[in-house]
Amino acid sequence: MLHSGSPERARSERSFAPPLDVRIRSWDRPFVPKTGLPPGIVVNRACDGSRVGLTVEQTVPVIGRLEKTVIDCPNPRALARFYAQVLGMVVNEDSDGWVVIGSAPGRRQLAFQRASQWVPPSWPDPRLPQQMHLDIRVSDPDAAERELLSLGAKRTPAERETGFRVFTDPVGHPFCIVFGHPSSG
């Protein structure tokens, strides 16, 4: 939720339940969890008599927020179907040359736009660089690999794959499945 205020302070808030290991000690000063927060983020405590909660406050100016990631491709509908199946998403917008998918109706998380002169990346060849790729966390990499291959992905092993495997989608964009213990960053 965005709040208007002084020009020096853009503020957005999000309420959430504290993690189990958070101990709220004092109600009269900002609370910073041990996990750390990015600069400019303050966590405030609130109690309305029946509930205790924390509010995250953005204290530095914010220019905007990420709307979605857009991927160029020759056939947006086909590639959107592929990623919707891989990620368990739904198609939320579909017009000529433009398709948007998300994890729920109305969500706009990944978009696919038609590129009239499509030249696929050729990972790991630096002459046609990948430019960007998606990392998709999976719990069972062998099962995920079988499913991905059945949907039209291709396996393109990297030199050293520890905790990840590299694939290309049906039109050549590289992406990785990642597994094992997630990093904290």
C-alpha atoms as a PDB file:
ATOM      1  CA  MET A   1       0.000   0.000   0.000  1.00  0.00           C
ATOM      2  CA  LEU A   2       1.554   3.319  -1.007  1.00  0.00           C
ATOM      3  CA  HIS A   3       1.134   6.348   1.235  1.00  0.00           C
ATOM      4  CA  SER A   4       1.554   9.960   0.264  1.00  0.00           C
ATOM      5  CA  GLY A   5       3.800  12.005   2.444  1.00  0.00           C
ATOM      6  CA  SER A   6       6.713  14.362   2.324  1.00  0.00           C
ATOM      7  CA  PRO A   7       8.803  14.328  -0.854  1.00  0.00           C
ATOM      8  CA  GLU A   8      11.808  13.237   1.220  1.00  0.00           C
ATOM      9  CA  ARG A   9      10.129   9.994   2.251  1.00  0.00           C
ATOM     10  CA  ALA A  10       8.365   7.524   0.006  1.00  0.00           C
ATOM     11  CA  ARG A  11       6.676   4.900   2.105  1.00  0.00           C
ATOM     12  CA  SER A  12       5.110   1.548   1.370  1.00  0.00           C
ATOM     13  CA  GLU A  13       3.844  -0.897   3.947  1.00  0.00           C
ATOM     14  CA  ARG A  14       3.211  -4.603   4.075  1.00  0.00           C
ATOM     15  CA  SER A  15       1.928  -6.466   7.114  1.00  0.00           C
ATOM     16  CA  PHE A  16       3.108  -9.951   7.905  1.00  0.00           C
ATOM     17  CA  ALA A  17       3.349 -12.380  10.792  1.00  0.00           C
ATOM     18  CA  PRO A  18       6.791 -12.480  12.380  1.00  0.00           C
ATOM     19  CA  PRO A  19       8.912 -15.579  11.795  1.00  0.00           C
ATOM     20  CA  LEU A  20       9.014 -18.026  14.677  1.00  0.00           C
ATOM     21  CA  ASP A  21      12.555 -17.077  15.692  1.00  0.00           C
ATOM     22  CA  VAL A  22      11.765 -13.345  16.011  1.00  0.00           C
ATOM     23  CA  ARG A  23      11.559 -12.122  19.610  1.00  0.00           C
ATOM     24  CA  ILE A  24       9.918  -8.736  20.024  1.00  0.00           C
ATOM     25  CA  ARG A  25      11.638  -7.086  22.998  1.00  0.00           C
ATOM     26  CA  SER A  26      10.537  -3.464  23.046  1.00  0.00           C
ATOM     27  CA  TRP A  27       7.539  -1.699  21.545  1.00  0.00           C
ATOM     28  CA  ASP A  28       9.064   1.770  21.593  1.00  0.00           C
ATOM     29  CA  ARG A  29      11.823   1.441  18.999  1.00  0.00           C
ATOM     30  CA  PRO A  30      12.146   0.019  15.474  1.00  0.00           C
ATOM     31  CA  PHE A  31      12.743  -3.712  15.298  1.00  0.00           C
ATOM     32  CA  VAL A  32      15.420  -5.106  12.986  1.00  0.00           C
ATOM     33  CA  PRO A  33      15.401  -8.894  12.595  1.00  0.00           C
ATOM     34  CA  LYS A  34      18.735 -10.715  12.830  1.00  0.00           C
ATOM     35  CA  THR A  35      18.397 -11.762   9.185  1.00  0.00           C
ATOM     36  CA  GLY A  36      19.043  -8.142   8.192  1.00  0.00           C
ATOM     37  CA  LEU A  37      17.164  -5.882   5.847  1.00  0.00           C
ATOM     38  CA  PRO A  38      18.196  -3.799   2.854  1.00  0.00           C
ATOM     39  CA  PRO A  39      19.175  -0.191   3.597  1.00  0.00           C
ATOM     40  CA  GLY A  40      16.170   2.086   4.022  1.00  0.00           C
ATOM     41  CA  ILE A  41      13.833  -0.616   5.371  1.00  0.00           C
ATOM     42  CA  VAL A  42      12.408  -0.272   8.883  1.00  0.00           C
ATOM     43  CA  VAL A  43      10.186  -2.817  10.648  1.00  0.00           C
ATOM     44  CA  ASN A  44       7.581  -1.387  13.018  1.00  0.00           C
ATOM     45  CA  ARG A  45       5.545  -3.313  15.576  1.00  0.00           C
ATOM     46  CA  ALA A  46       1.826  -2.852  16.058  1.00  0.00           C
ATOM     47  CA  CYS A  47      -0.727  -4.202  18.496  1.00  0.00           C
ATOM     48  CA  ASP A  48      -4.457  -3.633  18.144  1.00  0.00           C
ATOM     49  CA  GLY A  49      -5.406  -5.447  21.362  1.00  0.00           C
ATOM     50  CA  SER A  50      -6.076  -8.816  19.772  1.00  0.00           C
ATOM     51  CA  ARG A  51      -3.228  -9.116  17.265  1.00  0.00           C
ATOM     52  CA  VAL A  52       0.444  -8.375  17.196  1.00  0.00           C
ATOM     53  CA  GLY A  53       2.067  -7.772  13.842  1.00  0.00           C
ATOM     54  CA  LEU A  54       4.985  -6.199  12.100  1.00  0.00           C
ATOM     55  CA  THR A  55       4.864  -3.599   9.342  1.00  0.00           C
ATOM     56  CA  VAL A  56       7.661  -3.141   6.818  1.00  0.00           C
ATOM     57  CA  GLU A  57       8.245   0.489   5.940  1.00  0.00           C
ATOM     58  CA  GLN A  58      10.271   1.740   2.950  1.00  0.00           C
ATOM     59  CA  THR A  59      12.051   4.914   4.085  1.00  0.00           C
ATOM     60  CA  VAL A  60      14.105   5.715   0.986  1.00  0.00           C
ATOM     61  CA  PRO A  61      12.604   7.123  -2.200  1.00  0.00           C
ATOM     62  CA  VAL A  62      11.307   4.428  -4.542  1.00  0.00           C
ATOM     63  CA  ILE A  63      11.100   5.193  -8.237  1.00  0.00           C
ATOM     64  CA  GLY A  64       8.872   2.223  -9.017  1.00  0.00           C
ATOM     65  CA  ARG A  65       8.226  -1.482  -8.501  1.00  0.00           C
ATOM     66  CA  LEU A  66       8.857  -4.436 -10.739  1.00  0.00           C
ATOM     67  CA  GLU A  67       5.767  -5.151 -12.834  1.00  0.00           C
ATOM     68  CA  LYS A  68       6.935  -8.237 -14.758  1.00  0.00           C
ATOM     69  CA  THR A  69       9.775  -9.704 -16.789  1.00  0.00           C
ATOM     70  CA  VAL A  70       9.284  -9.608 -20.576  1.00  0.00           C
ATOM     71  CA  ILE A  71      10.851 -12.227 -22.841  1.00  0.00           C
ATOM     72  CA  ASP A  72      11.224 -11.768 -26.602  1.00  0.00           C
ATOM     73  CA  CYS A  73      10.333 -14.782 -28.743  1.00  0.00           C
ATOM     74  CA  PRO A  74       8.944 -15.766 -32.150  1.00  0.00           C
ATOM     75  CA  ASN A  75       5.621 -17.210 -30.836  1.00  0.00           C
ATOM     76  CA  PRO A  76       4.403 -15.655 -27.557  1.00  0.00           C
ATOM     77  CA  ARG A  77       1.435 -17.988 -27.089  1.00  0.00           C
ATOM     78  CA  ALA A  78       3.483 -21.154 -27.441  1.00  0.00           C
ATOM     79  CA  LEU A  79       6.257 -19.969 -25.128  1.00  0.00           C
ATOM     80  CA  ALA A  80       3.742 -18.650 -22.557  1.00  0.00           C
ATOM     81  CA  ARG A  81       2.051 -22.074 -22.544  1.00  0.00           C
ATOM     82  CA  PHE A  82       5.432 -23.740 -21.941  1.00  0.00           C
ATOM     83  CA  TYR A  83       6.310 -21.516 -18.959  1.00  0.00           C
ATOM     84  CA  ALA A  84       2.745 -21.610 -17.575  1.00  0.00           C
ATOM     85  CA  GLN A  85       3.032 -25.410 -17.412  1.00  0.00           C
ATOM     86  CA  VAL A  86       6.539 -25.308 -15.935  1.00  0.00           C
ATOM     87  CA  LEU A  87       5.661 -22.718 -13.260  1.00  0.00           C
ATOM     88  CA  GLY A  88       2.014 -23.637 -12.596  1.00  0.00           C
ATOM     89  CA  MET A  89       0.809 -20.251 -13.835  1.00  0.00           C
ATOM     90  CA  VAL A  90      -2.212 -19.142 -15.829  1.00  0.00           C
ATOM     91  CA  VAL A  91      -2.521 -16.970 -18.923  1.00  0.00           C
ATOM     92  CA  ASN A  92      -3.923 -13.620 -17.820  1.00  0.00           C
ATOM     93  CA  GLU A  93      -3.597 -11.584 -21.012  1.00  0.00           C
ATOM     94  CA  ASP A  94      -3.415 -12.747 -24.615  1.00  0.00           C
ATOM     95  CA  SER A  95      -3.385 -10.456 -27.602  1.00  0.00           C
ATOM     96  CA  ASP A  96      -1.614 -10.612 -30.920  1.00  0.00           C
ATOM     97  CA  GLY A  97       2.096 -10.725 -30.199  1.00  0.00           C
ATOM     98  CA  TRP A  98       1.756 -10.291 -26.413  1.00  0.00           C
ATOM     99  CA  VAL A  99       0.918 -12.857 -23.691  1.00  0.00           C
ATOM    100  CA  VAL A 100       1.170 -12.400 -19.901  1.00  0.00           C
ATOM    101  CA  ILE A 101       1.121 -15.186 -17.298  1.00  0.00           C
ATOM    102  CA  GLY A 102       0.936 -15.140 -13.504  1.00  0.00           C
ATOM    103  CA  SER A 103       0.513 -17.318 -10.451  1.00  0.00           C
ATOM    104  CA  ALA A 104      -3.122 -16.218 -10.018  1.00  0.00           C
ATOM    105  CA  PRO A 105      -5.783 -14.510 -12.143  1.00  0.00           C
ATOM    106  CA  GLY A 106      -4.826 -10.882 -12.676  1.00  0.00           C
ATOM    107  CA  ARG A 107      -1.154 -11.364 -11.704  1.00  0.00           C
ATOM    108  CA  ARG A 108       1.347 -10.118 -14.296  1.00  0.00           C
ATOM    109  CA  GLN A 109       4.643 -11.884 -13.596  1.00  0.00           C
ATOM    110  CA  LEU A 110       6.040 -13.029 -16.964  1.00  0.00           C
ATOM    111  CA  ALA A 111       5.240 -11.630 -20.381  1.00  0.00           C
ATOM    112  CA  PHE A 112       6.162 -12.823 -23.857  1.00  0.00           C
ATOM    113  CA  GLN A 113       6.343 -10.499 -26.832  1.00  0.00           C
ATOM    114  CA  ARG A 114       6.807 -11.290 -30.488  1.00  0.00           C
ATOM    115  CA  ALA A 115      10.211 -10.368 -31.873  1.00  0.00           C
ATOM    116  CA  SER A 116       9.897  -9.914 -35.616  1.00  0.00           C
ATOM    117  CA  GLN A 117      13.543 -10.746 -36.297  1.00  0.00           C
ATOM    118  CA  TRP A 118      14.112 -13.451 -33.696  1.00  0.00           C
ATOM    119  CA  VAL A 119      17.666 -14.655 -33.229  1.00  0.00           C
ATOM    120  CA  PRO A 120      17.871 -17.133 -30.327  1.00  0.00           C
ATOM    121  CA  PRO A 121      20.693 -16.940 -27.814  1.00  0.00           C
ATOM    122  CA  SER A 122      23.354 -19.598 -28.190  1.00  0.00           C
ATOM    123  CA  TRP A 123      24.466 -20.337 -24.656  1.00  0.00           C
ATOM    124  CA  PRO A 124      27.325 -20.551 -23.786  1.00  0.00           C
ATOM    125  CA  ASP A 125      28.567 -18.955 -27.049  1.00  0.00           C
ATOM    126  CA  PRO A 126      29.333 -15.279 -26.229  1.00  0.00           C
ATOM    127  CA  ARG A 127      28.626 -14.194 -29.833  1.00  0.00           C
ATOM    128  CA  LEU A 128      24.881 -14.711 -29.165  1.00  0.00           C
ATOM    129  CA  PRO A 129      24.680 -14.148 -25.377  1.00  0.00           C
ATOM    130  CA  GLN A 130      21.823 -15.287 -23.186  1.00  0.00           C
ATOM    131  CA  GLN A 131      21.244 -11.680 -21.964  1.00  0.00           C
ATOM    132  CA  MET A 132      19.167 -13.016 -19.047  1.00  0.00           C
ATOM    133  CA  HIS A 133      17.808 -16.303 -17.753  1.00  0.00           C
ATOM    134  CA  LEU A 134      15.332 -17.623 -15.212  1.00  0.00           C
ATOM    135  CA  ASP A 135      16.277 -19.775 -12.212  1.00  0.00           C
ATOM    136  CA  ILE A 136      13.432 -22.125 -11.277  1.00  0.00           C
ATOM    137  CA  ARG A 137      13.644 -23.862  -7.880  1.00  0.00           C
ATOM    138  CA  VAL A 138      12.610 -27.529  -7.851  1.00  0.00           C
ATOM    139  CA  SER A 139      12.494 -30.154  -5.112  1.00  0.00           C
ATOM    140  CA  ASP A 140      13.219 -33.188  -7.329  1.00  0.00           C
ATOM    141  CA  PRO A 141      15.627 -32.321 -10.151  1.00  0.00           C
ATOM    142  CA  ASP A 142      15.333 -35.709 -11.892  1.00  0.00           C
ATOM    143  CA  ALA A 143      11.523 -35.551 -12.017  1.00  0.00           C
ATOM    144  CA  ALA A 144      11.663 -31.893 -13.076  1.00  0.00           C
ATOM    145  CA  GLU A 145      14.104 -32.735 -15.867  1.00  0.00           C
ATOM    146  CA  ARG A 146      11.820 -35.466 -17.204  1.00  0.00           C
ATOM    147  CA  GLU A 147       8.828 -33.091 -17.195  1.00  0.00           C
ATOM    148  CA  LEU A 148      10.769 -30.257 -18.809  1.00  0.00           C
ATOM    149  CA  LEU A 149      12.030 -32.492 -21.603  1.00  0.00           C
ATOM    150  CA  SER A 150       8.486 -33.761 -22.221  1.00  0.00           C
ATOM    151  CA  LEU A 151       7.314 -30.129 -22.583  1.00  0.00           C
ATOM    152  CA  GLY A 152       9.950 -29.350 -25.215  1.00  0.00           C
ATOM    153  CA  ALA A 153      12.893 -28.043 -23.181  1.00  0.00           C
ATOM    154  CA  LYS A 154      16.395 -29.175 -24.142  1.00  0.00           C
ATOM    155  CA  ARG A 155      19.143 -30.097 -21.702  1.00  0.00           C
ATOM    156  CA  THR A 156      22.327 -28.069 -22.249  1.00  0.00           C
ATOM    157  CA  PRO A 157      24.748 -29.080 -19.487  1.00  0.00           C
ATOM    158  CA  ALA A 158      27.163 -26.506 -18.129  1.00  0.00           C
ATOM    159  CA  GLU A 159      30.787 -27.320 -17.417  1.00  0.00           C
ATOM    160  CA  ARG A 160      30.208 -27.606 -13.659  1.00  0.00           C
ATOM    161  CA  GLU A 161      26.684 -28.024 -12.375  1.00  0.00           C
ATOM    162  CA  THR A 162      26.450 -28.089  -8.603  1.00  0.00           C
ATOM    163  CA  GLY A 163      22.941 -27.393  -7.349  1.00  0.00           C
ATOM    164  CA  PHE A 164      21.633 -26.440 -10.787  1.00  0.00           C
ATOM    165  CA  ARG A 165      21.033 -27.819 -14.283  1.00  0.00           C
ATOM    166  CA  VAL A 166      20.893 -25.780 -17.484  1.00  0.00           C
ATOM    167  CA  PHE A 167      18.156 -26.115 -20.119  1.00  0.00           C
ATOM    168  CA  THR A 168      16.876 -24.105 -23.035  1.00  0.00           C
ATOM    169  CA  ASP A 169      13.182 -23.456 -23.605  1.00  0.00           C
ATOM    170  CA  PRO A 170      11.576 -24.436 -26.922  1.00  0.00           C
ATOM    171  CA  VAL A 171      12.898 -21.286 -28.662  1.00  0.00           C
ATOM    172  CA  GLY A 172      16.397 -21.299 -27.180  1.00  0.00           C
ATOM    173  CA  HIS A 173      16.316 -19.111 -24.035  1.00  0.00           C
ATOM    174  CA  PRO A 174      18.535 -20.681 -21.390  1.00  0.00           C
ATOM    175  CA  PHE A 175      17.075 -21.283 -17.932  1.00  0.00           C
ATOM    176  CA  CYS A 176      18.190 -23.268 -14.905  1.00  0.00           C
ATOM    177  CA  ILE A 177      16.512 -25.507 -12.431  1.00  0.00           C
ATOM    178  CA  VAL A 178      18.044 -25.014  -9.004  1.00  0.00           C
ATOM    179  CA  PHE A 179      17.820 -27.428  -6.109  1.00  0.00           C
ATOM    180  CA  GLY A 180      19.357 -28.207  -2.755  1.00  0.00           C
ATOM    181  CA  HIS A 181      19.773 -25.677   0.006  1.00  0.00           C
ATOM    182  CA  PRO A 182      18.740 -22.192  -1.177  1.00  0.00           C
ATOM    183  CA  SER A 183      21.289 -19.452  -0.667  1.00  0.00           C
ATOM    184  CA  SER A 184      20.472 -16.654   1.733  1.00  0.00           C
ATOM    185  CA  GLY A 185      21.098 -13.959  -0.868  1.00  0.00           C
END
